[in-house]
């Protein structure tokens, strides 16, 4: 099994609800108007954790879910539409942001709760799906940004010694929920946790 296959097996998926149009009532005798709120903003390459030897580049924002996020989060996503942006370096380090908007704050809160639950249970599902992979999980706690965010670490190691480290976070601002993922070869000692927390805080603040 290749390192890239391990990461694809290990990582997570999501999908998201398209932004709902917001209708404004017009005064009596006036013509009613309907406007659509601007979609949430995404991280830029400069807002990713700094890489020691390679600059980040950002792809265009696309509809759908990045493959690297599918394994851990797929169960939470049916019925949602989403948009995402992927980031890459010249070396074996990558990142992605997945964002969606739902119909109410209550629905967004419920979705964020479900996504956090799926991330926490992902290590067990990884090991159940492939007996040659061991998965270890760390909870790096919450962040006081908008309606809150939570940061996690996920390390996998194959029976032949290939290791990958991923950082994942879930954050919410009103009806918008975002998931940020970062990954490369290595273990927990290679994870830029403080910088990733800063990136997550920025991602949630930028939603609206």
N, C-alpha and C. Protein backbone atom coordinates (compact mmCIF):
# COMPACT_ATOMS: atom_id res chain seq x y z
N UNK A 1 0.85 -1.20 0.00
CA UNK A 1 0.00 0.00 0.00
C UNK A 1 0.88 1.25 0.00
N UNK A 2 0.65 2.19 -0.92
CA UNK A 2 1.45 3.40 -0.99
C UNK A 2 1.05 4.38 0.09
N UNK A 3 1.97 5.33 0.36
CA UNK A 3 1.67 6.38 1.35
C UNK A 3 0.46 7.18 0.92
N UNK A 4 0.35 7.47 -0.39
CA UNK A 4 -0.81 8.23 -0.86
C UNK A 4 -2.11 7.46 -0.65
N UNK A 5 -2.05 6.11 -0.84
CA UNK A 5 -3.24 5.29 -0.61
C UNK A 5 -3.61 5.31 0.86
N UNK A 6 -2.59 5.25 1.74
CA UNK A 6 -2.87 5.32 3.18
C UNK A 6 -3.56 6.62 3.52
N UNK A 7 -3.04 7.74 2.95
CA UNK A 7 -3.66 9.03 3.28
C UNK A 7 -5.08 9.11 2.76
N UNK A 8 -5.30 8.57 1.52
CA UNK A 8 -6.65 8.61 0.97
C UNK A 8 -7.58 7.75 1.80
N UNK A 9 -7.06 6.59 2.30
CA UNK A 9 -7.87 5.72 3.14
C UNK A 9 -8.17 6.40 4.47
N UNK A 10 -7.21 7.17 4.93
CA UNK A 10 -7.28 7.71 6.28
C UNK A 10 -8.13 8.94 6.37
N UNK A 11 -8.13 9.72 5.32
CA UNK A 11 -8.69 11.05 5.46
C UNK A 11 -10.17 11.09 5.24
N UNK A 12 -10.62 12.26 5.13
CA UNK A 12 -12.00 12.52 5.44
C UNK A 12 -12.82 13.06 4.29
N UNK A 13 -14.19 12.96 4.35
CA UNK A 13 -15.00 13.56 3.31
C UNK A 13 -16.15 14.37 3.82
N UNK A 14 -16.60 15.29 3.04
CA UNK A 14 -17.77 16.07 3.36
C UNK A 14 -18.44 16.54 2.11
N UNK A 15 -19.67 16.94 2.30
CA UNK A 15 -20.40 17.69 1.28
C UNK A 15 -21.23 18.74 1.98
N UNK A 16 -21.78 19.75 1.25
CA UNK A 16 -22.40 20.87 1.94
C UNK A 16 -23.61 21.42 1.24
N UNK A 17 -24.53 22.06 1.99
CA UNK A 17 -25.73 22.65 1.41
C UNK A 17 -25.39 23.95 0.71
N UNK A 18 -25.93 24.16 -0.47
CA UNK A 18 -25.73 25.42 -1.19
C UNK A 18 -26.37 26.55 -0.42
N UNK A 19 -25.82 27.76 -0.54
CA UNK A 19 -26.35 28.91 0.22
C UNK A 19 -27.78 29.20 -0.21
N UNK A 20 -28.67 29.36 0.77
CA UNK A 20 -30.08 29.61 0.47
C UNK A 20 -30.30 31.07 0.11
N UNK A 21 -31.16 31.32 -0.86
CA UNK A 21 -31.49 32.70 -1.23
C UNK A 21 -32.30 33.33 -0.12
N UNK A 22 -32.05 34.60 0.15
CA UNK A 22 -32.71 35.31 1.24
C UNK A 22 -33.63 36.37 0.65
N UNK A 23 -34.94 36.22 0.89
CA UNK A 23 -35.92 37.15 0.31
C UNK A 23 -36.20 38.28 1.28
N UNK A 24 -36.24 39.50 0.77
CA UNK A 24 -36.50 40.68 1.58
C UNK A 24 -37.88 41.23 1.23
N UNK A 25 -38.69 41.47 2.26
CA UNK A 25 -40.02 42.02 2.02
C UNK A 25 -39.90 43.49 1.64
N UNK A 26 -40.63 43.88 0.58
CA UNK A 26 -40.60 45.27 0.13
C UNK A 26 -41.73 46.05 0.79
N UNK A 27 -41.56 47.35 0.98
CA UNK A 27 -42.63 48.17 1.53
C UNK A 27 -43.86 48.11 0.64
N UNK A 28 -45.02 48.42 1.25
CA UNK A 28 -46.27 48.41 0.50
C UNK A 28 -46.16 49.32 -0.70
N UNK A 29 -46.61 48.83 -1.85
CA UNK A 29 -46.58 49.63 -3.06
C UNK A 29 -45.27 49.57 -3.80
N UNK A 30 -44.23 48.96 -3.18
CA UNK A 30 -42.92 48.89 -3.85
C UNK A 30 -42.76 47.50 -4.45
N UNK A 31 -41.79 47.34 -5.36
CA UNK A 31 -41.53 46.05 -5.99
C UNK A 31 -40.62 45.23 -5.10
N UNK A 32 -41.02 43.98 -4.81
CA UNK A 32 -40.20 43.12 -3.96
C UNK A 32 -38.94 42.71 -4.68
N UNK A 33 -37.85 42.48 -3.91
CA UNK A 33 -36.58 42.08 -4.47
C UNK A 33 -36.07 40.85 -3.73
N UNK A 34 -35.38 39.98 -4.43
CA UNK A 34 -34.76 38.80 -3.83
C UNK A 34 -33.25 38.86 -4.10
N UNK A 35 -32.47 38.69 -3.05
CA UNK A 35 -31.01 38.73 -3.22
C UNK A 35 -30.41 37.47 -2.62
N UNK A 36 -29.27 37.07 -3.13
CA UNK A 36 -28.56 35.90 -2.65
C UNK A 36 -27.31 36.34 -1.91
N UNK A 37 -27.14 35.95 -0.65
CA UNK A 37 -25.94 36.35 0.08
C UNK A 37 -24.68 35.86 -0.61
N UNK A 38 -23.61 36.60 -0.45
CA UNK A 38 -22.34 36.16 -1.01
C UNK A 38 -21.92 34.85 -0.35
N UNK A 39 -21.33 33.91 -1.10
CA UNK A 39 -20.89 32.65 -0.50
C UNK A 39 -19.73 32.88 0.46
N UNK A 40 -19.53 31.98 1.41
CA UNK A 40 -18.41 32.12 2.36
C UNK A 40 -17.07 32.20 1.63
N UNK A 41 -16.14 32.92 2.22
CA UNK A 41 -14.81 33.05 1.65
C UNK A 41 -13.92 31.89 2.10
N UNK A 42 -12.90 31.61 1.28
CA UNK A 42 -11.97 30.52 1.56
C UNK A 42 -10.60 31.06 1.96
N UNK A 43 -9.81 30.20 2.57
CA UNK A 43 -8.43 30.53 2.89
C UNK A 43 -7.65 30.82 1.61
N UNK A 44 -6.61 31.64 1.75
CA UNK A 44 -5.64 31.83 0.68
C UNK A 44 -4.40 30.99 0.99
N UNK A 45 -3.53 30.83 0.02
CA UNK A 45 -2.32 30.03 0.22
C UNK A 45 -1.45 30.60 1.34
N UNK A 46 -1.41 31.92 1.45
CA UNK A 46 -0.56 32.56 2.45
C UNK A 46 -1.05 32.32 3.88
N UNK A 47 -2.29 31.83 4.04
CA UNK A 47 -2.86 31.63 5.36
C UNK A 47 -2.72 30.20 5.87
N UNK A 48 -2.05 29.35 5.10
CA UNK A 48 -1.74 27.98 5.53
C UNK A 48 -0.53 27.99 6.46
N UNK A 49 -0.36 26.94 7.29
CA UNK A 49 0.85 26.84 8.11
C UNK A 49 2.10 26.93 7.24
N UNK A 50 3.04 27.80 7.56
CA UNK A 50 4.24 27.95 6.72
C UNK A 50 4.97 26.63 6.53
N UNK A 51 5.39 26.37 5.30
CA UNK A 51 6.19 25.18 5.01
C UNK A 51 7.66 25.59 5.05
N UNK A 52 8.53 24.79 5.68
CA UNK A 52 9.92 25.20 5.85
C UNK A 52 10.72 25.33 4.56
N UNK A 53 10.31 24.66 3.48
CA UNK A 53 11.14 24.69 2.27
C UNK A 53 10.36 24.82 0.97
N UNK A 54 9.05 25.05 1.02
CA UNK A 54 8.27 25.12 -0.21
C UNK A 54 7.06 26.03 0.00
N UNK A 55 6.77 26.85 -0.99
CA UNK A 55 5.61 27.75 -0.89
C UNK A 55 4.33 27.00 -1.21
N UNK A 56 3.24 27.44 -0.61
CA UNK A 56 1.92 26.89 -0.91
C UNK A 56 1.35 27.51 -2.17
N UNK A 57 0.62 26.71 -2.94
CA UNK A 57 -0.19 27.22 -4.03
C UNK A 57 -1.63 26.77 -3.80
N UNK A 58 -2.60 27.58 -4.26
CA UNK A 58 -4.01 27.29 -4.04
C UNK A 58 -4.71 27.02 -5.37
N UNK A 59 -5.51 25.98 -5.41
CA UNK A 59 -6.34 25.71 -6.58
C UNK A 59 -7.57 26.63 -6.54
N UNK A 60 -8.34 26.63 -7.62
CA UNK A 60 -9.59 27.36 -7.64
C UNK A 60 -10.61 26.66 -6.75
N UNK A 61 -11.58 27.42 -6.27
CA UNK A 61 -12.67 26.84 -5.49
C UNK A 61 -13.57 26.04 -6.42
N UNK A 62 -13.93 24.82 -6.00
CA UNK A 62 -14.73 23.91 -6.82
C UNK A 62 -15.94 23.42 -6.03
N UNK A 63 -16.92 22.92 -6.76
CA UNK A 63 -18.06 22.25 -6.12
C UNK A 63 -17.69 20.81 -5.82
N UNK A 64 -18.18 20.29 -4.69
CA UNK A 64 -17.95 18.90 -4.37
C UNK A 64 -17.16 18.69 -3.10
N UNK A 65 -16.47 17.55 -3.02
CA UNK A 65 -15.72 17.14 -1.83
C UNK A 65 -14.35 16.62 -2.26
N UNK A 66 -13.26 17.06 -1.65
CA UNK A 66 -11.95 16.51 -2.01
C UNK A 66 -11.84 15.05 -1.56
N UNK A 67 -11.17 14.25 -2.38
CA UNK A 67 -11.06 12.83 -2.10
C UNK A 67 -10.42 12.56 -0.74
N UNK A 68 -9.46 13.40 -0.34
CA UNK A 68 -8.74 13.17 0.91
C UNK A 68 -9.62 13.27 2.14
N UNK A 69 -10.79 13.87 2.01
CA UNK A 69 -11.68 14.03 3.16
C UNK A 69 -12.83 13.03 3.18
N UNK A 70 -12.87 12.15 2.21
CA UNK A 70 -14.05 11.30 2.08
C UNK A 70 -14.14 10.19 3.13
N UNK A 71 -13.05 9.53 3.44
CA UNK A 71 -13.16 8.34 4.28
C UNK A 71 -13.74 8.67 5.65
N UNK A 72 -13.23 9.68 6.30
CA UNK A 72 -13.66 9.97 7.67
C UNK A 72 -15.03 10.63 7.75
N UNK A 73 -15.44 11.38 6.72
CA UNK A 73 -16.63 12.21 6.86
C UNK A 73 -17.81 11.83 5.98
N UNK A 74 -17.66 10.85 5.10
CA UNK A 74 -18.72 10.54 4.14
C UNK A 74 -20.07 10.29 4.79
N UNK A 75 -20.08 9.62 5.93
CA UNK A 75 -21.35 9.25 6.57
C UNK A 75 -22.16 10.48 6.98
N UNK A 76 -21.50 11.62 7.16
CA UNK A 76 -22.20 12.82 7.62
C UNK A 76 -22.71 13.67 6.46
N UNK A 77 -22.41 13.31 5.22
CA UNK A 77 -22.61 14.24 4.12
C UNK A 77 -23.80 14.05 3.21
N UNK A 78 -24.46 12.91 3.16
CA UNK A 78 -25.57 12.78 2.21
C UNK A 78 -26.59 13.91 2.36
N UNK A 79 -27.00 14.46 1.24
CA UNK A 79 -27.99 15.53 1.25
C UNK A 79 -27.40 16.92 1.26
N UNK A 80 -26.08 17.05 1.32
CA UNK A 80 -25.44 18.36 1.35
C UNK A 80 -24.68 18.63 0.05
N UNK A 81 -24.68 19.89 -0.34
CA UNK A 81 -23.81 20.35 -1.42
C UNK A 81 -22.66 21.12 -0.78
N UNK A 82 -21.50 21.09 -1.40
CA UNK A 82 -20.34 21.73 -0.79
C UNK A 82 -19.43 22.35 -1.83
N UNK A 83 -18.55 23.20 -1.35
CA UNK A 83 -17.50 23.78 -2.17
C UNK A 83 -16.18 23.57 -1.43
N UNK A 84 -15.09 23.44 -2.19
CA UNK A 84 -13.81 23.20 -1.54
C UNK A 84 -12.67 23.83 -2.32
N UNK A 85 -11.55 24.00 -1.63
CA UNK A 85 -10.31 24.46 -2.25
C UNK A 85 -9.18 23.57 -1.75
N UNK A 86 -8.32 23.16 -2.68
CA UNK A 86 -7.15 22.36 -2.32
C UNK A 86 -5.89 23.21 -2.43
N UNK A 87 -4.92 22.88 -1.59
CA UNK A 87 -3.64 23.58 -1.53
C UNK A 87 -2.53 22.55 -1.61
N UNK A 88 -1.39 22.95 -2.18
CA UNK A 88 -0.30 21.99 -2.33
C UNK A 88 1.05 22.72 -2.24
N UNK A 89 2.08 21.94 -1.92
CA UNK A 89 3.46 22.42 -1.97
C UNK A 89 4.20 21.58 -3.01
N UNK A 90 5.46 21.92 -3.24
CA UNK A 90 6.27 21.14 -4.17
C UNK A 90 6.67 19.80 -3.58
N UNK A 91 6.51 19.65 -2.27
CA UNK A 91 6.87 18.41 -1.59
C UNK A 91 5.60 17.68 -1.18
N UNK A 92 5.74 16.67 -0.33
CA UNK A 92 4.61 15.81 0.01
C UNK A 92 3.81 16.39 1.18
N UNK A 93 3.35 17.61 1.02
CA UNK A 93 2.50 18.25 2.01
C UNK A 93 1.32 18.88 1.29
N UNK A 94 0.11 18.63 1.77
CA UNK A 94 -1.08 19.16 1.13
C UNK A 94 -2.10 19.62 2.15
N UNK A 95 -3.07 20.38 1.70
CA UNK A 95 -4.13 20.86 2.58
C UNK A 95 -5.39 21.05 1.76
N UNK A 96 -6.51 21.16 2.45
CA UNK A 96 -7.78 21.38 1.78
C UNK A 96 -8.77 22.02 2.75
N UNK A 97 -9.70 22.80 2.21
CA UNK A 97 -10.78 23.39 3.00
C UNK A 97 -12.10 23.07 2.34
N UNK A 98 -13.03 22.55 3.10
CA UNK A 98 -14.37 22.21 2.63
C UNK A 98 -15.39 23.06 3.40
N UNK A 99 -16.30 23.68 2.69
CA UNK A 99 -17.25 24.61 3.33
C UNK A 99 -18.64 24.40 2.78
N UNK A 100 -19.62 24.54 3.64
CA UNK A 100 -21.00 24.45 3.19
C UNK A 100 -21.87 25.36 4.04
N UNK A 101 -23.05 25.69 3.50
CA UNK A 101 -24.02 26.54 4.17
C UNK A 101 -25.34 25.80 4.23
N UNK A 102 -25.97 25.78 5.42
CA UNK A 102 -27.24 25.09 5.60
C UNK A 102 -28.34 26.09 5.90
N UNK A 103 -29.56 25.59 6.13
CA UNK A 103 -30.71 26.48 6.18
C UNK A 103 -30.91 27.25 7.45
N UNK A 104 -30.25 26.87 8.54
CA UNK A 104 -30.45 27.56 9.80
C UNK A 104 -29.24 27.35 10.70
N UNK A 105 -29.11 28.18 11.74
CA UNK A 105 -28.04 28.00 12.71
C UNK A 105 -28.15 26.64 13.39
N UNK A 106 -29.39 26.22 13.69
CA UNK A 106 -29.58 24.94 14.38
C UNK A 106 -29.10 23.77 13.53
N UNK A 107 -29.38 23.80 12.22
CA UNK A 107 -28.92 22.75 11.33
C UNK A 107 -27.40 22.76 11.20
N UNK A 108 -26.82 23.96 11.16
CA UNK A 108 -25.36 24.05 11.08
C UNK A 108 -24.71 23.51 12.35
N UNK A 109 -25.29 23.81 13.49
CA UNK A 109 -24.76 23.30 14.76
C UNK A 109 -24.82 21.78 14.78
N UNK A 110 -25.95 21.21 14.32
CA UNK A 110 -26.09 19.76 14.29
C UNK A 110 -25.09 19.12 13.34
N UNK A 111 -24.84 19.74 12.19
CA UNK A 111 -23.89 19.19 11.24
C UNK A 111 -22.47 19.25 11.80
N UNK A 112 -22.11 20.37 12.42
CA UNK A 112 -20.78 20.48 13.01
C UNK A 112 -20.58 19.41 14.10
N UNK A 113 -21.61 19.18 14.89
CA UNK A 113 -21.53 18.15 15.92
C UNK A 113 -21.31 16.78 15.29
N UNK A 114 -22.02 16.49 14.21
CA UNK A 114 -21.87 15.20 13.54
C UNK A 114 -20.48 15.05 12.93
N UNK A 115 -19.96 16.11 12.33
CA UNK A 115 -18.63 16.04 11.73
C UNK A 115 -17.56 15.79 12.79
N UNK A 116 -17.68 16.46 13.93
CA UNK A 116 -16.73 16.21 15.02
C UNK A 116 -16.80 14.76 15.48
N UNK A 117 -17.99 14.21 15.56
CA UNK A 117 -18.17 12.83 15.96
C UNK A 117 -17.51 11.88 14.96
N UNK A 118 -17.69 12.15 13.66
CA UNK A 118 -17.11 11.29 12.64
C UNK A 118 -15.58 11.32 12.67
N UNK A 119 -15.01 12.49 12.94
CA UNK A 119 -13.55 12.58 13.02
C UNK A 119 -13.03 11.79 14.22
N UNK A 120 -13.71 11.89 15.36
CA UNK A 120 -13.26 11.16 16.55
C UNK A 120 -13.31 9.64 16.35
N UNK A 121 -14.28 9.18 15.59
CA UNK A 121 -14.42 7.73 15.39
C UNK A 121 -13.61 7.22 14.20
N UNK A 122 -12.99 8.12 13.44
CA UNK A 122 -12.29 7.72 12.23
C UNK A 122 -11.13 6.77 12.47
N UNK A 123 -10.31 6.94 13.51
CA UNK A 123 -9.19 6.00 13.71
C UNK A 123 -9.65 4.56 13.85
N UNK A 124 -10.74 4.34 14.55
CA UNK A 124 -11.26 2.98 14.70
C UNK A 124 -11.68 2.41 13.36
N UNK A 125 -12.35 3.22 12.54
CA UNK A 125 -12.79 2.75 11.23
C UNK A 125 -11.62 2.50 10.29
N UNK A 126 -10.56 3.29 10.42
CA UNK A 126 -9.36 3.06 9.61
C UNK A 126 -8.78 1.68 9.91
N UNK A 127 -8.62 1.37 11.19
CA UNK A 127 -8.04 0.08 11.57
C UNK A 127 -8.96 -1.08 11.20
N UNK A 128 -10.26 -0.88 11.27
CA UNK A 128 -11.20 -1.93 10.88
C UNK A 128 -11.17 -2.18 9.37
N UNK A 129 -10.90 -1.13 8.60
CA UNK A 129 -10.92 -1.27 7.15
C UNK A 129 -9.63 -1.87 6.60
N UNK A 130 -8.53 -1.75 7.35
CA UNK A 130 -7.24 -2.27 6.88
C UNK A 130 -6.41 -2.73 8.07
N UNK A 131 -6.29 -4.02 8.30
CA UNK A 131 -5.55 -4.53 9.46
C UNK A 131 -4.06 -4.22 9.43
N UNK A 132 -3.55 -3.75 8.29
CA UNK A 132 -2.14 -3.41 8.20
C UNK A 132 -1.85 -1.96 8.59
N UNK A 133 -2.89 -1.22 8.97
CA UNK A 133 -2.72 0.19 9.34
C UNK A 133 -3.11 0.39 10.80
N UNK A 134 -2.25 1.06 11.56
CA UNK A 134 -2.56 1.47 12.92
C UNK A 134 -2.81 2.98 12.91
N UNK A 135 -3.85 3.41 13.62
CA UNK A 135 -4.24 4.81 13.65
C UNK A 135 -4.25 5.33 15.09
N UNK A 136 -3.70 6.51 15.29
CA UNK A 136 -3.66 7.15 16.60
C UNK A 136 -4.26 8.54 16.50
N UNK A 137 -4.99 8.93 17.52
CA UNK A 137 -5.78 10.16 17.49
C UNK A 137 -5.41 11.07 18.66
N UNK A 138 -5.39 12.38 18.40
CA UNK A 138 -5.21 13.37 19.47
C UNK A 138 -6.24 14.47 19.33
N UNK A 139 -6.76 14.89 20.46
CA UNK A 139 -7.71 16.01 20.51
C UNK A 139 -6.95 17.23 21.00
N UNK A 140 -6.82 18.24 20.12
CA UNK A 140 -6.07 19.45 20.47
C UNK A 140 -6.97 20.56 21.01
N UNK A 141 -8.24 20.25 21.24
CA UNK A 141 -9.10 21.18 21.93
C UNK A 141 -9.85 22.15 21.03
N UNK A 142 -10.57 23.06 21.68
CA UNK A 142 -11.44 24.00 20.99
C UNK A 142 -10.76 25.36 20.81
N UNK A 143 -11.32 26.15 19.89
CA UNK A 143 -10.84 27.50 19.63
C UNK A 143 -12.00 28.47 19.80
N UNK A 144 -11.78 29.61 20.47
CA UNK A 144 -12.86 30.57 20.73
C UNK A 144 -13.07 31.53 19.56
N UNK A 145 -13.55 31.02 18.44
CA UNK A 145 -13.76 31.84 17.25
C UNK A 145 -15.19 31.67 16.78
N UNK A 146 -15.92 32.76 16.58
CA UNK A 146 -17.32 32.74 16.15
C UNK A 146 -18.11 31.73 16.99
N UNK A 147 -18.80 30.76 16.35
CA UNK A 147 -19.55 29.76 17.12
C UNK A 147 -18.68 28.57 17.56
N UNK A 148 -17.38 28.69 17.36
CA UNK A 148 -16.47 27.67 17.88
C UNK A 148 -15.83 26.83 16.81
N UNK A 149 -14.67 26.25 17.16
CA UNK A 149 -13.95 25.33 16.28
C UNK A 149 -13.24 24.30 17.15
N UNK A 150 -12.93 23.15 16.55
CA UNK A 150 -12.27 22.06 17.28
C UNK A 150 -11.17 21.51 16.39
N UNK A 151 -10.01 21.20 16.98
CA UNK A 151 -8.83 20.76 16.23
C UNK A 151 -8.41 19.37 16.67
N UNK A 152 -8.03 18.53 15.70
CA UNK A 152 -7.65 17.15 15.97
C UNK A 152 -6.38 16.78 15.21
N UNK A 153 -5.71 15.73 15.70
CA UNK A 153 -4.58 15.14 14.98
C UNK A 153 -4.84 13.67 14.74
N UNK A 154 -4.41 13.16 13.58
CA UNK A 154 -4.62 11.76 13.21
C UNK A 154 -3.34 11.22 12.56
N UNK A 155 -2.76 10.22 13.19
CA UNK A 155 -1.51 9.63 12.70
C UNK A 155 -1.77 8.19 12.30
N UNK A 156 -1.27 7.78 11.14
CA UNK A 156 -1.38 6.39 10.70
C UNK A 156 0.00 5.84 10.38
N UNK A 157 0.14 4.55 10.62
CA UNK A 157 1.39 3.84 10.31
C UNK A 157 1.04 2.47 9.75
N UNK A 158 1.66 2.13 8.63
CA UNK A 158 1.41 0.82 8.03
C UNK A 158 2.33 -0.22 8.64
N UNK A 159 2.05 -1.48 8.33
CA UNK A 159 2.87 -2.58 8.86
C UNK A 159 4.29 -2.55 8.32
N UNK A 160 4.50 -1.86 7.18
CA UNK A 160 5.86 -1.78 6.62
C UNK A 160 6.52 -0.43 6.94
N UNK A 161 5.93 0.36 7.86
CA UNK A 161 6.61 1.53 8.39
C UNK A 161 6.29 2.87 7.78
N UNK A 162 5.40 2.93 6.79
CA UNK A 162 5.02 4.23 6.21
C UNK A 162 4.11 4.97 7.18
N UNK A 163 4.40 6.24 7.42
CA UNK A 163 3.62 7.01 8.38
C UNK A 163 3.11 8.30 7.76
N UNK A 164 1.93 8.71 8.19
CA UNK A 164 1.33 9.97 7.77
C UNK A 164 0.74 10.68 8.97
N UNK A 165 0.83 12.00 8.97
CA UNK A 165 0.21 12.80 10.01
C UNK A 165 -0.76 13.78 9.37
N UNK A 166 -1.97 13.84 9.91
CA UNK A 166 -2.98 14.77 9.42
C UNK A 166 -3.53 15.59 10.57
N UNK A 167 -3.78 16.87 10.32
CA UNK A 167 -4.50 17.73 11.24
C UNK A 167 -5.84 18.06 10.62
N UNK A 168 -6.90 18.04 11.44
CA UNK A 168 -8.25 18.30 10.96
C UNK A 168 -8.96 19.24 11.93
N UNK A 169 -9.81 20.09 11.41
CA UNK A 169 -10.58 20.96 12.28
C UNK A 169 -11.97 21.18 11.70
N UNK A 170 -12.92 21.43 12.59
CA UNK A 170 -14.30 21.76 12.23
C UNK A 170 -14.64 23.07 12.90
N UNK A 171 -15.18 24.03 12.14
CA UNK A 171 -15.55 25.32 12.71
C UNK A 171 -16.86 25.80 12.14
N UNK A 172 -17.54 26.70 12.87
CA UNK A 172 -18.85 27.18 12.43
C UNK A 172 -18.99 28.67 12.68
N UNK A 173 -19.62 29.35 11.72
CA UNK A 173 -20.03 30.74 11.86
C UNK A 173 -21.47 30.84 11.37
N UNK A 174 -22.43 30.90 12.28
CA UNK A 174 -23.82 30.96 11.89
C UNK A 174 -24.24 29.71 11.13
N UNK A 175 -24.74 29.89 9.89
CA UNK A 175 -25.21 28.77 9.07
C UNK A 175 -24.09 28.11 8.28
N UNK A 176 -22.87 28.64 8.36
CA UNK A 176 -21.75 28.09 7.59
C UNK A 176 -20.87 27.20 8.47
N UNK A 177 -20.48 26.06 7.91
CA UNK A 177 -19.58 25.12 8.59
C UNK A 177 -18.41 24.85 7.66
N UNK A 178 -17.22 24.81 8.23
CA UNK A 178 -16.04 24.52 7.40
C UNK A 178 -15.18 23.47 8.07
N UNK A 179 -14.54 22.67 7.24
CA UNK A 179 -13.56 21.67 7.68
C UNK A 179 -12.24 21.99 6.99
N UNK A 180 -11.16 22.04 7.78
CA UNK A 180 -9.83 22.28 7.23
C UNK A 180 -8.98 21.05 7.51
N UNK A 181 -8.24 20.60 6.51
CA UNK A 181 -7.35 19.46 6.67
C UNK A 181 -5.95 19.77 6.17
N UNK A 182 -4.96 19.25 6.86
CA UNK A 182 -3.55 19.40 6.49
C UNK A 182 -2.89 18.04 6.67
N UNK A 183 -1.98 17.65 5.76
CA UNK A 183 -1.34 16.36 5.91
C UNK A 183 0.01 16.25 5.21
N UNK A 184 0.86 15.37 5.76
CA UNK A 184 2.14 15.05 5.14
C UNK A 184 2.66 13.76 5.75
N UNK A 185 3.78 13.25 5.22
CA UNK A 185 4.43 12.10 5.85
C UNK A 185 5.03 12.54 7.18
N UNK A 186 4.95 11.65 8.18
CA UNK A 186 5.53 11.98 9.47
C UNK A 186 4.65 11.52 10.61
N UNK A 187 4.93 12.06 11.81
CA UNK A 187 4.16 11.70 12.99
C UNK A 187 3.75 12.96 13.74
N UNK A 188 3.25 12.81 14.95
CA UNK A 188 2.75 13.96 15.69
C UNK A 188 3.81 15.04 15.92
N UNK A 189 5.07 14.63 16.02
CA UNK A 189 6.14 15.60 16.21
C UNK A 189 6.36 16.50 15.02
N UNK A 190 5.84 16.11 13.86
CA UNK A 190 5.99 16.90 12.65
C UNK A 190 4.80 17.82 12.39
N UNK A 191 3.80 17.77 13.25
CA UNK A 191 2.58 18.52 13.02
C UNK A 191 2.69 19.96 13.54
N UNK A 192 2.42 20.96 12.69
CA UNK A 192 2.50 22.37 13.11
C UNK A 192 1.21 22.81 13.80
N UNK A 193 0.97 22.27 15.00
CA UNK A 193 -0.32 22.47 15.67
C UNK A 193 -0.63 23.95 15.93
N UNK A 194 0.26 24.74 16.52
CA UNK A 194 -0.09 26.15 16.75
C UNK A 194 -0.42 26.90 15.46
N UNK A 195 0.37 26.65 14.39
CA UNK A 195 0.11 27.32 13.12
C UNK A 195 -1.21 26.85 12.51
N UNK A 196 -1.52 25.57 12.68
CA UNK A 196 -2.79 25.07 12.15
C UNK A 196 -3.98 25.65 12.91
N UNK A 197 -3.84 25.83 14.21
CA UNK A 197 -4.90 26.48 14.98
C UNK A 197 -5.12 27.91 14.48
N UNK A 198 -4.04 28.60 14.16
CA UNK A 198 -4.16 29.95 13.61
C UNK A 198 -4.87 29.92 12.27
N UNK A 199 -4.52 28.94 11.42
CA UNK A 199 -5.18 28.79 10.12
C UNK A 199 -6.67 28.51 10.29
N UNK A 200 -7.01 27.64 11.23
CA UNK A 200 -8.41 27.33 11.48
C UNK A 200 -9.17 28.56 11.94
N UNK A 201 -8.59 29.33 12.85
CA UNK A 201 -9.23 30.56 13.32
C UNK A 201 -9.48 31.51 12.16
N UNK A 202 -8.49 31.66 11.29
CA UNK A 202 -8.66 32.52 10.12
C UNK A 202 -9.76 32.01 9.21
N UNK A 203 -9.80 30.69 8.99
CA UNK A 203 -10.80 30.10 8.09
C UNK A 203 -12.21 30.38 8.59
N UNK A 204 -12.44 30.25 9.89
CA UNK A 204 -13.77 30.48 10.44
C UNK A 204 -14.13 31.96 10.38
N UNK A 205 -13.17 32.82 10.70
CA UNK A 205 -13.43 34.27 10.64
C UNK A 205 -13.76 34.72 9.22
N UNK A 206 -13.14 34.09 8.22
CA UNK A 206 -13.34 34.51 6.83
C UNK A 206 -14.66 34.05 6.23
N UNK A 207 -15.35 33.13 6.89
CA UNK A 207 -16.59 32.61 6.30
C UNK A 207 -17.55 33.75 5.95
N UNK A 208 -17.72 34.66 6.92
CA UNK A 208 -18.58 35.83 6.68
C UNK A 208 -17.94 37.07 7.28
